Amino acid sequence: MAVPNQPTAHYQYLIKTFPEVMAAVEQVGSTVRQAGPLDRKTTELIQLAVAAASQSTGAVHSHTKRALAAGATRQEIEHALLVLISTIGFPKVAAALSWVAEISE
C-alpha cells in the first residue's frame, strides 16, 4: 500500500503563497496533538472521522495518509469510518471509504 509523502499541488500552492499562515496552521496542529495523552494514530483517526463527517475529500486523503504513516492499518481506517454510519449516515461513510481507497490501494 503506497503512501505518498508529497503534499498535493494545492497544499504546495498554499505553502508558497501563504508561508506564515501555513506555518502557523502546522504549528497549531502539532501543539494540540502533543497537548494530551492520545497517540498520533488515534488523533489521526479522529481527524479522519471529522473529515468524513464534513465531506472534505482533501482532508480524508490527508488524514488517511497521516494515519497510515502513524501505523494505522487499512482495516483500522475503514473501521474508524464504519462506526460513523449511525452518526453521519451510510452515504457519507461510503463516500469517505471511496476516498480512502484512492489513497490506500
PDB file of N, CA and C in Angstrom:
ATOM      1  N   MET A   1       0.850  -1.164   0.000  1.00  0.00           N
ATOM      2  CA  MET A   1       0.000   0.000   0.000  1.00  0.00           C
ATOM      3  C   MET A   1       0.896   1.227   0.000  1.00  0.00           C
ATOM      4  N   ALA A   2       0.894   1.958  -1.057  1.00  0.00           N
ATOM      5  CA  ALA A   2       1.757   3.129  -1.184  1.00  0.00           C
ATOM      6  C   ALA A   2       1.162   4.314  -0.434  1.00  0.00           C
ATOM      7  N   VAL A   3       2.020   5.019   0.287  1.00  0.00           N
ATOM      8  CA  VAL A   3       1.608   6.220   0.991  1.00  0.00           C
ATOM      9  C   VAL A   3       2.456   7.378   0.479  1.00  0.00           C
ATOM     10  N   PRO A   4       1.916   8.170  -0.440  1.00  0.00           N
ATOM     11  CA  PRO A   4       2.695   9.275  -0.968  1.00  0.00           C
ATOM     12  C   PRO A   4       3.041  10.276   0.130  1.00  0.00           C
ATOM     13  N   ASN A   5       4.301  10.700   0.182  1.00  0.00           N
ATOM     14  CA  ASN A   5       4.731  11.689   1.165  1.00  0.00           C
ATOM     15  C   ASN A   5       4.667  13.101   0.615  1.00  0.00           C
ATOM     16  N   GLN A   6       4.436  13.230  -0.662  1.00  0.00           N
ATOM     17  CA  GLN A   6       4.405  14.526  -1.330  1.00  0.00           C
ATOM     18  C   GLN A   6       3.066  15.222  -1.072  1.00  0.00           C
ATOM     19  N   PRO A   7       3.109  16.470  -0.565  1.00  0.00           N
ATOM     20  CA  PRO A   7       1.853  17.214  -0.418  1.00  0.00           C
ATOM     21  C   PRO A   7       1.204  17.444  -1.780  1.00  0.00           C
ATOM     22  N   THR A   8      -0.098  17.621  -1.782  1.00  0.00           N
ATOM     23  CA  THR A   8      -0.805  17.881  -3.039  1.00  0.00           C
ATOM     24  C   THR A   8      -0.341  19.203  -3.636  1.00  0.00           C
ATOM     25  N   ALA A   9      -0.611  19.365  -4.903  1.00  0.00           N
ATOM     26  CA  ALA A   9      -0.245  20.606  -5.590  1.00  0.00           C
ATOM     27  C   ALA A   9      -0.928  21.810  -4.933  1.00  0.00           C
ATOM     28  N   HIS A  10      -2.168  21.625  -4.514  1.00  0.00           N
ATOM     29  CA  HIS A  10      -2.882  22.733  -3.877  1.00  0.00           C
ATOM     30  C   HIS A  10      -2.227  23.109  -2.551  1.00  0.00           C
ATOM     31  N   TYR A  11      -1.850  22.111  -1.768  1.00  0.00           N
ATOM     32  CA  TYR A  11      -1.207  22.382  -0.481  1.00  0.00           C
ATOM     33  C   TYR A  11       0.142  23.069  -0.701  1.00  0.00           C
ATOM     34  N   GLN A  12       0.875  22.630  -1.706  1.00  0.00           N
ATOM     35  CA  GLN A  12       2.143  23.284  -2.038  1.00  0.00           C
ATOM     36  C   GLN A  12       1.919  24.742  -2.438  1.00  0.00           C
ATOM     37  N   TYR A  13       0.843  24.983  -3.182  1.00  0.00           N
ATOM     38  CA  TYR A  13       0.489  26.358  -3.555  1.00  0.00           C
ATOM     39  C   TYR A  13       0.223  27.202  -2.309  1.00  0.00           C
ATOM     40  N   LEU A  14      -0.543  26.648  -1.366  1.00  0.00           N
ATOM     41  CA  LEU A  14      -0.849  27.389  -0.145  1.00  0.00           C
ATOM     42  C   LEU A  14       0.419  27.721   0.636  1.00  0.00           C
ATOM     43  N   ILE A  15       1.328  26.754   0.730  1.00  0.00           N
ATOM     44  CA  ILE A  15       2.590  26.983   1.444  1.00  0.00           C
ATOM     45  C   ILE A  15       3.402  28.081   0.758  1.00  0.00           C
ATOM     46  N   LYS A  16       3.443  28.045  -0.559  1.00  0.00           N
ATOM     47  CA  LYS A  16       4.211  29.048  -1.313  1.00  0.00           C
ATOM     48  C   LYS A  16       3.572  30.432  -1.206  1.00  0.00           C
ATOM     49  N   THR A  17       2.256  30.483  -1.281  1.00  0.00           N
ATOM     50  CA  THR A  17       1.542  31.756  -1.320  1.00  0.00           C
ATOM     51  C   THR A  17       1.356  32.372   0.064  1.00  0.00           C
ATOM     52  N   PHE A  18       1.145  31.523   1.062  1.00  0.00           N
ATOM     53  CA  PHE A  18       0.870  31.996   2.420  1.00  0.00           C
ATOM     54  C   PHE A  18       1.793  31.300   3.424  1.00  0.00           C
ATOM     55  N   PRO A  19       3.099  31.474   3.312  1.00  0.00           N
ATOM     56  CA  PRO A  19       4.023  30.695   4.150  1.00  0.00           C
ATOM     57  C   PRO A  19       3.837  30.906   5.646  1.00  0.00           C
ATOM     58  N   GLU A  20       3.589  32.129   6.085  1.00  0.00           N
ATOM     59  CA  GLU A  20       3.434  32.384   7.519  1.00  0.00           C
ATOM     60  C   GLU A  20       2.152  31.739   8.056  1.00  0.00           C
ATOM     61  N   VAL A  21       1.084  31.860   7.291  1.00  0.00           N
ATOM     62  CA  VAL A  21      -0.191  31.273   7.713  1.00  0.00           C
ATOM     63  C   VAL A  21      -0.074  29.755   7.799  1.00  0.00           C
ATOM     64  N   MET A  22       0.519  29.156   6.784  1.00  0.00           N
ATOM     65  CA  MET A  22       0.627  27.700   6.764  1.00  0.00           C
ATOM     66  C   MET A  22       1.557  27.200   7.874  1.00  0.00           C
ATOM     67  N   ALA A  23       2.612  27.938   8.168  1.00  0.00           N
ATOM     68  CA  ALA A  23       3.487  27.563   9.290  1.00  0.00           C
ATOM     69  C   ALA A  23       2.713  27.613  10.600  1.00  0.00           C
ATOM     70  N   ALA A  24       1.871  28.627  10.761  1.00  0.00           N
ATOM     71  CA  ALA A  24       1.062  28.751  11.980  1.00  0.00           C
ATOM     72  C   ALA A  24       0.050  27.612  12.080  1.00  0.00           C
ATOM     73  N   VAL A  25      -0.584  27.275  10.964  1.00  0.00           N
ATOM     74  CA  VAL A  25      -1.552  26.175  10.951  1.00  0.00           C
ATOM     75  C   VAL A  25      -0.867  24.864  11.354  1.00  0.00           C
ATOM     76  N   GLU A  26       0.298  24.608  10.779  1.00  0.00           N
ATOM     77  CA  GLU A  26       1.026  23.384  11.109  1.00  0.00           C
ATOM     78  C   GLU A  26       1.476  23.383  12.563  1.00  0.00           C
ATOM     79  N   GLN A  27       1.867  24.532  13.091  1.00  0.00           N
ATOM     80  CA  GLN A  27       2.281  24.621  14.491  1.00  0.00           C
ATOM     81  C   GLN A  27       1.111  24.347  15.434  1.00  0.00           C
ATOM     82  N   VAL A  28      -0.063  24.910  15.116  1.00  0.00           N
ATOM     83  CA  VAL A  28      -1.247  24.648  15.941  1.00  0.00           C
ATOM     84  C   VAL A  28      -1.552  23.160  15.951  1.00  0.00           C
ATOM     85  N   GLY A  29      -1.534  22.536  14.782  1.00  0.00           N
ATOM     86  CA  GLY A  29      -1.806  21.101  14.705  1.00  0.00           C
ATOM     87  C   GLY A  29      -0.838  20.296  15.545  1.00  0.00           C
ATOM     88  N   SER A  30       0.428  20.612  15.460  1.00  0.00           N
ATOM     89  CA  SER A  30       1.451  19.915  16.231  1.00  0.00           C
ATOM     90  C   SER A  30       1.256  20.135  17.727  1.00  0.00           C
ATOM     91  N   THR A  31       0.965  21.362  18.106  1.00  0.00           N
ATOM     92  CA  THR A  31       0.793  21.698  19.522  1.00  0.00           C
ATOM     93  C   THR A  31      -0.388  20.961  20.132  1.00  0.00           C
ATOM     94  N   VAL A  32      -1.528  20.958  19.459  1.00  0.00           N
ATOM     95  CA  VAL A  32      -2.704  20.306  20.047  1.00  0.00           C
ATOM     96  C   VAL A  32      -2.553  18.790  20.100  1.00  0.00           C
ATOM     97  N   ARG A  33      -1.853  18.200  19.125  1.00  0.00           N
ATOM     98  CA  ARG A  33      -1.625  16.750  19.183  1.00  0.00           C
ATOM     99  C   ARG A  33      -0.754  16.373  20.376  1.00  0.00           C
ATOM    100  N   GLN A  34       0.170  17.243  20.744  1.00  0.00           N
ATOM    101  CA  GLN A  34       1.080  16.967  21.851  1.00  0.00           C
ATOM    102  C   GLN A  34       0.513  17.378  23.209  1.00  0.00           C
ATOM    103  N   ALA A  35      -0.639  18.015  23.232  1.00  0.00           N
ATOM    104  CA  ALA A  35      -1.196  18.574  24.465  1.00  0.00           C
ATOM    105  C   ALA A  35      -1.896  17.552  25.349  1.00  0.00           C
ATOM    106  N   GLY A  36      -2.063  16.329  24.869  1.00  0.00           N
ATOM    107  CA  GLY A  36      -2.802  15.359  25.665  1.00  0.00           C
ATOM    108  C   GLY A  36      -2.263  13.962  25.510  1.00  0.00           C
ATOM    109  N   PRO A  37      -2.976  13.004  26.086  1.00  0.00           N
ATOM    110  CA  PRO A  37      -2.471  11.635  26.147  1.00  0.00           C
ATOM    111  C   PRO A  37      -2.709  10.775  24.905  1.00  0.00           C
ATOM    112  N   LEU A  38      -3.460  11.271  23.933  1.00  0.00           N
ATOM    113  CA  LEU A  38      -3.749  10.445  22.760  1.00  0.00           C
ATOM    114  C   LEU A  38      -2.513  10.308  21.883  1.00  0.00           C
ATOM    115  N   ASP A  39      -2.310   9.097  21.367  1.00  0.00           N
ATOM    116  CA  ASP A  39      -1.171   8.889  20.473  1.00  0.00           C
ATOM    117  C   ASP A  39      -1.501   9.411  19.071  1.00  0.00           C
ATOM    118  N   ARG A  40      -0.462   9.479  18.241  1.00  0.00           N
ATOM    119  CA  ARG A  40      -0.612  10.061  16.905  1.00  0.00           C
ATOM    120  C   ARG A  40      -1.625   9.290  16.057  1.00  0.00           C
ATOM    121  N   LYS A  41      -1.585   7.963  16.105  1.00  0.00           N
ATOM    122  CA  LYS A  41      -2.518   7.175  15.304  1.00  0.00           C
ATOM    123  C   LYS A  41      -3.958   7.500  15.694  1.00  0.00           C
ATOM    124  N   THR A  42      -4.224   7.574  16.983  1.00  0.00           N
ATOM    125  CA  THR A  42      -5.580   7.871  17.455  1.00  0.00           C
ATOM    126  C   THR A  42      -6.021   9.259  17.010  1.00  0.00           C
ATOM    127  N   THR A  43      -5.141  10.247  17.144  1.00  0.00           N
ATOM    128  CA  THR A  43      -5.535  11.602  16.739  1.00  0.00           C
ATOM    129  C   THR A  43      -5.797  11.677  15.241  1.00  0.00           C
ATOM    130  N   GLU A  44      -5.023  10.951  14.447  1.00  0.00           N
ATOM    131  CA  GLU A  44      -5.261  10.952  13.005  1.00  0.00           C
ATOM    132  C   GLU A  44      -6.584  10.279  12.661  1.00  0.00           C
ATOM    133  N   LEU A  45      -6.934   9.209  13.365  1.00  0.00           N
ATOM    134  CA  LEU A  45      -8.212   8.535  13.116  1.00  0.00           C
ATOM    135  C   LEU A  45      -9.382   9.440  13.509  1.00  0.00           C
ATOM    136  N   ILE A  46      -9.222  10.193  14.591  1.00  0.00           N
ATOM    137  CA  ILE A  46     -10.266  11.146  14.990  1.00  0.00           C
ATOM    138  C   ILE A  46     -10.416  12.221  13.916  1.00  0.00           C
ATOM    139  N   GLN A  47      -9.299  12.763  13.462  1.00  0.00           N
ATOM    140  CA  GLN A  47      -9.370  13.808  12.436  1.00  0.00           C
ATOM    141  C   GLN A  47      -9.916  13.252  11.118  1.00  0.00           C
ATOM    142  N   LEU A  48      -9.607  12.009  10.822  1.00  0.00           N
ATOM    143  CA  LEU A  48     -10.175  11.365   9.637  1.00  0.00           C
ATOM    144  C   LEU A  48     -11.697  11.280   9.753  1.00  0.00           C
ATOM    145  N   ALA A  49     -12.183  10.919  10.928  1.00  0.00           N
ATOM    146  CA  ALA A  49     -13.630  10.821  11.134  1.00  0.00           C
ATOM    147  C   ALA A  49     -14.310  12.180  10.951  1.00  0.00           C
ATOM    148  N   VAL A  50     -13.697  13.221  11.470  1.00  0.00           N
ATOM    149  CA  VAL A  50     -14.268  14.561  11.310  1.00  0.00           C
ATOM    150  C   VAL A  50     -14.232  14.984   9.845  1.00  0.00           C
ATOM    151  N   ALA A  51     -13.156  14.647   9.157  1.00  0.00           N
ATOM    152  CA  ALA A  51     -13.059  14.963   7.729  1.00  0.00           C
ATOM    153  C   ALA A  51     -14.174  14.264   6.953  1.00  0.00           C
ATOM    154  N   ALA A  52     -14.447  13.013   7.313  1.00  0.00           N
ATOM    155  CA  ALA A  52     -15.532  12.277   6.654  1.00  0.00           C
ATOM    156  C   ALA A  52     -16.876  12.925   6.946  1.00  0.00           C
ATOM    157  N   ALA A  53     -17.078  13.313   8.189  1.00  0.00           N
ATOM    158  CA  ALA A  53     -18.351  13.926   8.573  1.00  0.00           C
ATOM    159  C   ALA A  53     -18.575  15.245   7.841  1.00  0.00           C
ATOM    160  N   SER A  54     -17.494  15.977   7.585  1.00  0.00           N
ATOM    161  CA  SER A  54     -17.634  17.252   6.885  1.00  0.00           C
ATOM    162  C   SER A  54     -17.530  17.104   5.369  1.00  0.00           C
ATOM    163  N   GLN A  55     -17.362  15.852   4.906  1.00  0.00           N
ATOM    164  CA  GLN A  55     -17.301  15.538   3.476  1.00  0.00           C
ATOM    165  C   GLN A  55     -16.175  16.276   2.768  1.00  0.00           C
ATOM    166  N   SER A  56     -15.027  16.372   3.431  1.00  0.00           N
ATOM    167  CA  SER A  56     -13.859  17.023   2.851  1.00  0.00           C
ATOM    168  C   SER A  56     -12.948  15.966   2.230  1.00  0.00           C
ATOM    169  N   THR A  57     -13.012  15.835   0.924  1.00  0.00           N
ATOM    170  CA  THR A  57     -12.207  14.844   0.220  1.00  0.00           C
ATOM    171  C   THR A  57     -10.722  15.029   0.506  1.00  0.00           C
ATOM    172  N   GLY A  58     -10.254  16.257   0.412  1.00  0.00           N
ATOM    173  CA  GLY A  58      -8.835  16.524   0.641  1.00  0.00           C
ATOM    174  C   GLY A  58      -8.392  16.165   2.047  1.00  0.00           C
ATOM    175  N   ALA A  59      -9.213  16.488   3.035  1.00  0.00           N
ATOM    176  CA  ALA A  59      -8.863  16.160   4.418  1.00  0.00           C
ATOM    177  C   ALA A  59      -8.916  14.647   4.656  1.00  0.00           C
ATOM    178  N   VAL A  60      -9.853  13.952   4.024  1.00  0.00           N
ATOM    179  CA  VAL A  60      -9.884  12.489   4.136  1.00  0.00           C
ATOM    180  C   VAL A  60      -8.607  11.915   3.534  1.00  0.00           C
ATOM    181  N   HIS A  61      -8.218  12.405   2.370  1.00  0.00           N
ATOM    182  CA  HIS A  61      -6.963  11.951   1.764  1.00  0.00           C
ATOM    183  C   HIS A  61      -5.790  12.211   2.708  1.00  0.00           C
ATOM    184  N   SER A  62      -5.697  13.433   3.212  1.00  0.00           N
ATOM    185  CA  SER A  62      -4.577  13.825   4.066  1.00  0.00           C
ATOM    186  C   SER A  62      -4.514  12.985   5.340  1.00  0.00           C
ATOM    187  N   HIS A  63      -5.636  12.829   6.015  1.00  0.00           N
ATOM    188  CA  HIS A  63      -5.614  12.090   7.281  1.00  0.00           C
ATOM    189  C   HIS A  63      -5.511  10.582   7.065  1.00  0.00           C
ATOM    190  N   THR A  64      -5.907  10.101   5.916  1.00  0.00           N
ATOM    191  CA  THR A  64      -5.643   8.699   5.584  1.00  0.00           C
ATOM    192  C   THR A  64      -4.135   8.481   5.473  1.00  0.00           C
ATOM    193  N   LYS A  65      -3.474   9.351   4.711  1.00  0.00           N
ATOM    194  CA  LYS A  65      -2.015   9.251   4.576  1.00  0.00           C
ATOM    195  C   LYS A  65      -1.328   9.346   5.932  1.00  0.00           C
ATOM    196  N   ARG A  66      -1.769  10.299   6.738  1.00  0.00           N
ATOM    197  CA  ARG A  66      -1.151  10.512   8.048  1.00  0.00           C
ATOM    198  C   ARG A  66      -1.427   9.345   8.998  1.00  0.00           C
ATOM    199  N   ALA A  67      -2.639   8.797   8.943  1.00  0.00           N
ATOM    200  CA  ALA A  67      -2.953   7.651   9.798  1.00  0.00           C
ATOM    201  C   ALA A  67      -2.109   6.443   9.407  1.00  0.00           C
ATOM    202  N   LEU A  68      -1.965   6.211   8.107  1.00  0.00           N
ATOM    203  CA  LEU A  68      -1.114   5.110   7.644  1.00  0.00           C
ATOM    204  C   LEU A  68       0.330   5.316   8.105  1.00  0.00           C
ATOM    205  N   ALA A  69       0.819   6.547   7.987  1.00  0.00           N
ATOM    206  CA  ALA A  69       2.191   6.850   8.418  1.00  0.00           C
ATOM    207  C   ALA A  69       2.352   6.677   9.923  1.00  0.00           C
ATOM    208  N   ALA A  70       1.264   6.857  10.668  1.00  0.00           N
ATOM    209  CA  ALA A  70       1.300   6.712  12.125  1.00  0.00           C
ATOM    210  C   ALA A  70       1.110   5.263  12.562  1.00  0.00           C
ATOM    211  N   GLY A  71       0.959   4.357  11.595  1.00  0.00           N
ATOM    212  CA  GLY A  71       0.865   2.941  11.926  1.00  0.00           C
ATOM    213  C   GLY A  71      -0.512   2.323  11.845  1.00  0.00           C
ATOM    214  N   ALA A  72      -1.506   3.087  11.439  1.00  0.00           N
ATOM    215  CA  ALA A  72      -2.852   2.522  11.290  1.00  0.00           C
ATOM    216  C   ALA A  72      -2.885   1.585  10.088  1.00  0.00           C
ATOM    217  N   THR A  73      -3.657   0.538  10.206  1.00  0.00           N
ATOM    218  CA  THR A  73      -3.853  -0.370   9.086  1.00  0.00           C
ATOM    219  C   THR A  73      -5.071   0.094   8.281  1.00  0.00           C
ATOM    220  N   ARG A  74      -5.168  -0.409   7.078  1.00  0.00           N
ATOM    221  CA  ARG A  74      -6.349  -0.064   6.270  1.00  0.00           C
ATOM    222  C   ARG A  74      -7.616  -0.531   6.989  1.00  0.00           C
ATOM    223  N   GLN A  75      -7.558  -1.680   7.649  1.00  0.00           N
ATOM    224  CA  GLN A  75      -8.725  -2.185   8.377  1.00  0.00           C
ATOM    225  C   GLN A  75      -9.117  -1.240   9.516  1.00  0.00           C
ATOM    226  N   GLU A  76      -8.134  -0.685  10.221  1.00  0.00           N
ATOM    227  CA  GLU A  76      -8.442   0.262  11.298  1.00  0.00           C
ATOM    228  C   GLU A  76      -9.057   1.537  10.735  1.00  0.00           C
ATOM    229  N   ILE A  77      -8.531   1.998   9.624  1.00  0.00           N
ATOM    230  CA  ILE A  77      -9.070   3.205   8.984  1.00  0.00           C
ATOM    231  C   ILE A  77     -10.506   2.965   8.544  1.00  0.00           C
ATOM    232  N   GLU A  78     -10.748   1.844   7.888  1.00  0.00           N
ATOM    233  CA  GLU A  78     -12.106   1.529   7.439  1.00  0.00           C
ATOM    234  C   GLU A  78     -13.053   1.381   8.625  1.00  0.00           C
ATOM    235  N   HIS A  79     -12.595   0.744   9.704  1.00  0.00           N
ATOM    236  CA  HIS A  79     -13.446   0.576  10.874  1.00  0.00           C
ATOM    237  C   HIS A  79     -13.762   1.923  11.523  1.00  0.00           C
ATOM    238  N   ALA A  80     -12.758   2.813  11.593  1.00  0.00           N
ATOM    239  CA  ALA A  80     -12.988   4.152  12.151  1.00  0.00           C
ATOM    240  C   ALA A  80     -14.086   4.881  11.377  1.00  0.00           C
ATOM    241  N   LEU A  81     -14.182   4.620  10.085  1.00  0.00           N
ATOM    242  CA  LEU A  81     -15.234   5.232   9.285  1.00  0.00           C
ATOM    243  C   LEU A  81     -16.559   4.489   9.419  1.00  0.00           C
ATOM    244  N   LEU A  82     -16.511   3.171   9.438  1.00  0.00           N
ATOM    245  CA  LEU A  82     -17.746   2.402   9.550  1.00  0.00           C
ATOM    246  C   LEU A  82     -18.523   2.717  10.823  1.00  0.00           C
ATOM    247  N   VAL A  83     -17.816   2.972  11.924  1.00  0.00           N
ATOM    248  CA  VAL A  83     -18.524   3.267  13.179  1.00  0.00           C
ATOM    249  C   VAL A  83     -19.296   4.588  13.109  1.00  0.00           C
ATOM    250  N   LEU A  84     -19.060   5.360  12.065  1.00  0.00           N
ATOM    251  CA  LEU A  84     -19.773   6.629  11.897  1.00  0.00           C
ATOM    252  C   LEU A  84     -21.140   6.473  11.238  1.00  0.00           C
ATOM    253  N   ILE A  85     -21.445   5.295  10.730  1.00  0.00           N
ATOM    254  CA  ILE A  85     -22.694   5.117   9.975  1.00  0.00           C
ATOM    255  C   ILE A  85     -23.907   5.605  10.761  1.00  0.00           C
ATOM    256  N   SER A  86     -24.000   5.252  12.048  1.00  0.00           N
ATOM    257  CA  SER A  86     -25.185   5.652  12.820  1.00  0.00           C
ATOM    258  C   SER A  86     -25.158   7.137  13.191  1.00  0.00           C
ATOM    259  N   THR A  87     -24.031   7.781  13.021  1.00  0.00           N
ATOM    260  CA  THR A  87     -23.904   9.197  13.370  1.00  0.00           C
ATOM    261  C   THR A  87     -24.043  10.111  12.165  1.00  0.00           C
ATOM    262  N   ILE A  88     -23.326   9.806  11.072  1.00  0.00           N
ATOM    263  CA  ILE A  88     -23.342  10.707   9.910  1.00  0.00           C
ATOM    264  C   ILE A  88     -24.070  10.119   8.711  1.00  0.00           C
ATOM    265  N   GLY A  89     -24.413   8.832   8.776  1.00  0.00           N
ATOM    266  CA  GLY A  89     -25.161   8.205   7.700  1.00  0.00           C
ATOM    267  C   GLY A  89     -24.300   7.415   6.738  1.00  0.00           C
ATOM    268  N   PHE A  90     -24.899   6.377   6.164  1.00  0.00           N
ATOM    269  CA  PHE A  90     -24.174   5.495   5.256  1.00  0.00           C
ATOM    270  C   PHE A  90     -23.643   6.204   4.011  1.00  0.00           C
ATOM    271  N   PRO A  91     -24.403   7.093   3.360  1.00  0.00           N
ATOM    272  CA  PRO A  91     -23.870   7.723   2.147  1.00  0.00           C
ATOM    273  C   PRO A  91     -22.562   8.488   2.388  1.00  0.00           C
ATOM    274  N   LYS A  92     -22.472   9.222   3.493  1.00  0.00           N
ATOM    275  CA  LYS A  92     -21.239   9.957   3.789  1.00  0.00           C
ATOM    276  C   LYS A  92     -20.091   9.002   4.092  1.00  0.00           C
ATOM    277  N   VAL A  93     -20.389   7.924   4.803  1.00  0.00           N
ATOM    278  CA  VAL A  93     -19.353   6.933   5.105  1.00  0.00           C
ATOM    279  C   VAL A  93     -18.892   6.247   3.824  1.00  0.00           C
ATOM    280  N   ALA A  94     -19.832   5.883   2.968  1.00  0.00           N
ATOM    281  CA  ALA A  94     -19.467   5.235   1.713  1.00  0.00           C
ATOM    282  C   ALA A  94     -18.583   6.150   0.870  1.00  0.00           C
ATOM    283  N   ALA A  95     -18.904   7.434   0.827  1.00  0.00           N
ATOM    284  CA  ALA A  95     -18.077   8.386   0.074  1.00  0.00           C
ATOM    285  C   ALA A  95     -16.677   8.446   0.677  1.00  0.00           C
ATOM    286  N   ALA A  96     -16.577   8.546   1.985  1.00  0.00           N
ATOM    287  CA  ALA A  96     -15.274   8.622   2.653  1.00  0.00           C
ATOM    288  C   ALA A  96     -14.460   7.352   2.395  1.00  0.00           C
ATOM    289  N   LEU A  97     -15.124   6.208   2.425  1.00  0.00           N
ATOM    290  CA  LEU A  97     -14.420   4.945   2.144  1.00  0.00           C
ATOM    291  C   LEU A  97     -13.874   4.937   0.721  1.00  0.00           C
ATOM    292  N   SER A  98     -14.606   5.528  -0.214  1.00  0.00           N
ATOM    293  CA  SER A  98     -14.106   5.578  -1.581  1.00  0.00           C
ATOM    294  C   SER A  98     -12.895   6.500  -1.689  1.00  0.00           C
ATOM    295  N   TRP A  99     -12.871   7.581  -0.901  1.00  0.00           N
ATOM    296  CA  TRP A  99     -11.724   8.491  -0.902  1.00  0.00           C
ATOM    297  C   TRP A  99     -10.512   7.840  -0.253  1.00  0.00           C
ATOM    298  N   VAL A 100     -10.749   7.037   0.779  1.00  0.00           N
ATOM    299  CA  VAL A 100      -9.664   6.277   1.410  1.00  0.00           C
ATOM    300  C   VAL A 100      -9.064   5.307   0.381  1.00  0.00           C
ATOM    301  N   ALA A 101      -9.925   4.653  -0.368  1.00  0.00           N
ATOM    302  CA  ALA A 101      -9.454   3.680  -1.366  1.00  0.00           C
ATOM    303  C   ALA A 101      -8.562   4.356  -2.409  1.00  0.00           C
ATOM    304  N   GLU A 102      -8.826   5.611  -2.734  1.00  0.00           N
ATOM    305  CA  GLU A 102      -7.992   6.323  -3.695  1.00  0.00           C
ATOM    306  C   GLU A 102      -6.550   6.479  -3.186  1.00  0.00           C
ATOM    307  N   ILE A 103      -6.385   6.532  -1.888  1.00  0.00           N
ATOM    308  CA  ILE A 103      -5.066   6.722  -1.279  1.00  0.00           C
ATOM    309  C   ILE A 103      -4.393   5.400  -0.975  1.00  0.00           C
ATOM    310  N   SER A 104      -5.130   4.448  -0.469  1.00  0.00           N
ATOM    311  CA  SER A 104      -4.500   3.261   0.103  1.00  0.00           C
ATOM    312  C   SER A 104      -4.471   2.042  -0.798  1.00  0.00           C
ATOM    313  N   GLU A 105      -4.908   2.168  -2.028  1.00  0.00           N
ATOM    314  CA  GLU A 105      -4.861   0.997  -2.908  1.00  0.00           C
ATOM    315  C   GLU A 105      -3.560   0.936  -3.668  1.00  0.00           C
TER     316      GLU A 105
END
